[in-house]
Every structure is written in structure tokens, then in C-alpha cells.
């Protein structure tokens, strides 16, 4: 079975050009990651040992580039390692993300949101 991202609506599988990250072992950041994923994955309780979140859900500043100098000289992309205090914050298919990306004066319309998300967005507003 392929390793895949557990974020709702994300279909990223390991080896598709994005890295997959296991939940942190420390309780503080594990709780932050869990809370972030729960916001867009209804009914999800907690991560298992095989739960992974892909790199699409982290900002670029959440990474440390390693071996940049030598890899640049050889034309190889730098290795990126997730910082220990990184938390997933990018959830493009969630209502929170859609509303945060719109100005306050714009309300969702049937053209900008699927019907299910539109109903959820209206109930939040």
C-alpha cells in the first residue's frame, strides 16, 4: 500500500516530488499538527504511527536547506529538512483556507465554492 498524505482532499503519494512527514513525537507539536489536520478532516480523531502529512501543507520557511553549496555546484536540488517547530498551515481545500484567501468584502458565490463548501461557509459566517 503506498504511503499517502492524510489531509482531506490531498492525494499526494510518496515519490511524486513531495516529501511526506510523520507526526512529531513530542506532545506539544503533535497536538498542534493534530489540531491543524482536524480542522479540515471531519471525524478524524488522532494520528497513527503511519499517519503522514505531505510537504504541500508547509510553508517554504518551515524547511532548512542542507548541502546547498555542494548540490548547487553539481546541479542537484538541495535537500530540505522540516524544522522541529514546523506546523502544517496550508489546506487549500478547506473552508478556512478559502475564506482566509478572500477579502472581507467578498462573499462566496456558487461560482467560487462547491455547493457543500458554500453551505458550510455560510453557516460559519
Protein backbone atom coordinates (compact mmCIF):
# COMPACT_ATOMS: atom_id res chain seq x y z
CA UNK A 1 0.00 0.00 0.00
CA UNK A 2 1.50 3.38 -0.99
CA UNK A 3 2.33 5.97 1.63
CA UNK A 4 0.00 8.92 1.23
CA UNK A 5 -0.87 12.26 2.86
CA UNK A 6 -3.76 12.09 5.36
CA UNK A 7 -5.00 15.66 4.82
CA UNK A 8 -8.57 15.71 3.48
CA UNK A 9 -8.66 16.31 -0.26
CA UNK A 10 -4.92 15.74 -0.72
CA UNK A 11 -3.97 12.85 -2.96
CA UNK A 12 -0.20 13.12 -2.66
CA UNK A 13 1.59 9.80 -2.65
CA UNK A 14 5.22 9.35 -1.62
CA UNK A 15 7.63 9.64 -4.52
CA UNK A 16 5.64 12.23 -6.52
CA UNK A 17 8.12 15.06 -5.94
CA UNK A 18 6.79 15.95 -2.49
CA UNK A 19 8.08 14.68 0.80
CA UNK A 20 5.91 13.01 3.45
CA UNK A 21 6.40 13.84 7.13
CA UNK A 22 5.48 11.72 10.14
CA UNK A 23 3.79 13.42 13.09
CA UNK A 24 6.23 14.75 15.72
CA UNK A 25 6.94 12.56 18.73
CA UNK A 26 6.79 15.49 21.20
CA UNK A 27 3.31 16.03 22.60
CA UNK A 28 3.23 19.83 22.09
CA UNK A 29 3.82 19.80 18.34
CA UNK A 30 1.97 16.52 17.84
CA UNK A 31 -1.10 18.25 19.32
CA UNK A 32 -0.62 21.27 17.02
CA UNK A 33 -0.37 19.05 13.94
CA UNK A 34 -3.40 17.04 15.06
CA UNK A 35 -5.44 20.21 15.57
CA UNK A 36 -4.43 21.53 12.14
CA UNK A 37 -5.45 18.31 10.36
CA UNK A 38 -8.73 18.02 12.33
CA UNK A 39 -9.82 21.46 11.09
CA UNK A 40 -10.19 20.11 7.57
CA UNK A 41 -10.80 16.40 8.15
CA UNK A 42 -14.16 15.87 9.78
CA UNK A 43 -14.41 12.88 12.13
CA UNK A 44 -10.66 12.27 12.26
CA UNK A 45 -9.58 11.53 15.84
CA UNK A 46 -5.81 11.20 16.07
CA UNK A 47 -2.74 10.19 14.08
CA UNK A 48 -1.48 6.63 13.96
CA UNK A 49 2.13 5.57 13.57
CA UNK A 50 1.60 5.54 9.79
CA UNK A 51 -0.08 8.99 9.53
CA UNK A 52 1.83 11.34 7.22
CA UNK A 53 1.42 14.96 6.05
CA UNK A 54 2.99 15.99 2.74
CA UNK A 55 5.18 19.00 2.03
CA UNK A 56 2.31 20.79 0.21
CA UNK A 57 0.90 21.73 3.64
CA UNK A 58 4.01 23.53 4.94
CA UNK A 59 5.30 26.99 4.06
CA UNK A 60 8.75 27.22 2.50
CA UNK A 61 10.14 28.83 5.67
CA UNK A 62 9.31 25.62 7.58
CA UNK A 63 12.30 23.96 5.91
CA UNK A 64 16.06 24.06 6.33
CA UNK A 65 18.05 23.53 3.13
CA UNK A 66 21.01 21.21 3.64
CA UNK A 67 24.09 20.81 1.46
CA UNK A 68 23.06 23.76 -0.72
CA UNK A 69 26.57 24.82 -1.74
CA UNK A 70 27.74 21.42 -2.93
CA UNK A 71 24.44 20.45 -4.51
CA UNK A 72 24.18 23.76 -6.41
CA UNK A 73 27.66 23.20 -7.85
CA UNK A 74 26.59 19.79 -9.14
CA UNK A 75 23.13 20.93 -10.30
CA UNK A 76 21.27 18.79 -7.78
CA UNK A 77 18.35 20.28 -5.80
CA UNK A 78 19.13 20.93 -2.13
CA UNK A 79 17.81 18.52 0.47
CA UNK A 80 15.13 20.12 2.61
CA UNK A 81 14.59 19.09 6.21
CA UNK A 82 11.48 20.11 8.14
CA UNK A 83 12.22 22.35 11.13
CA UNK A 84 11.37 20.87 14.53
CA UNK A 85 8.84 23.65 15.26
CA UNK A 86 7.04 23.45 11.89
CA UNK A 87 3.25 23.07 11.82
CA UNK A 88 1.16 22.38 8.69
CA UNK A 89 -0.78 25.53 7.78
CA UNK A 90 -1.66 25.20 4.08
CA UNK A 91 -5.00 23.49 3.47
CA UNK A 92 -6.26 24.67 0.05
CA UNK A 93 -9.43 22.57 0.04
CA UNK A 94 -10.69 23.62 3.47
CA UNK A 95 -13.29 26.33 4.14
CA UNK A 96 -10.91 28.17 6.50
CA UNK A 97 -8.32 28.47 3.73
CA UNK A 98 -10.85 29.63 1.14
CA UNK A 99 -12.21 32.32 3.44
CA UNK A 100 -8.76 33.48 4.54
CA UNK A 101 -7.71 33.93 0.93
CA UNK A 102 -10.70 36.18 0.13
CA UNK A 103 -11.10 39.79 1.16
CA UNK A 104 -13.72 40.53 3.83
CA UNK A 105 -15.94 42.37 1.38
CA UNK A 106 -16.26 39.35 -0.93
CA UNK A 107 -18.73 36.64 -0.03
CA UNK A 108 -18.58 33.14 -1.50
CA UNK A 109 -20.77 32.57 -4.54
CA UNK A 110 -21.88 29.43 -6.28
CA UNK A 111 -19.12 30.05 -8.84
CA UNK A 112 -16.32 30.29 -6.27
CA UNK A 113 -17.16 27.34 -4.00
CA UNK A 114 -18.64 23.90 -4.49
CA UNK A 115 -22.17 23.65 -3.08
CA UNK A 116 -21.17 21.63 0.03
CA UNK A 117 -18.41 24.10 0.92
CA UNK A 118 -20.68 27.05 0.20
CA UNK A 119 -23.26 25.74 2.68
CA UNK A 120 -20.55 25.22 5.31
CA UNK A 121 -19.10 28.68 4.65
CA UNK A 122 -22.50 30.34 5.07
CA UNK A 123 -23.08 28.55 8.37
CA UNK A 124 -19.72 29.83 9.65
CA UNK A 125 -20.41 33.41 8.58
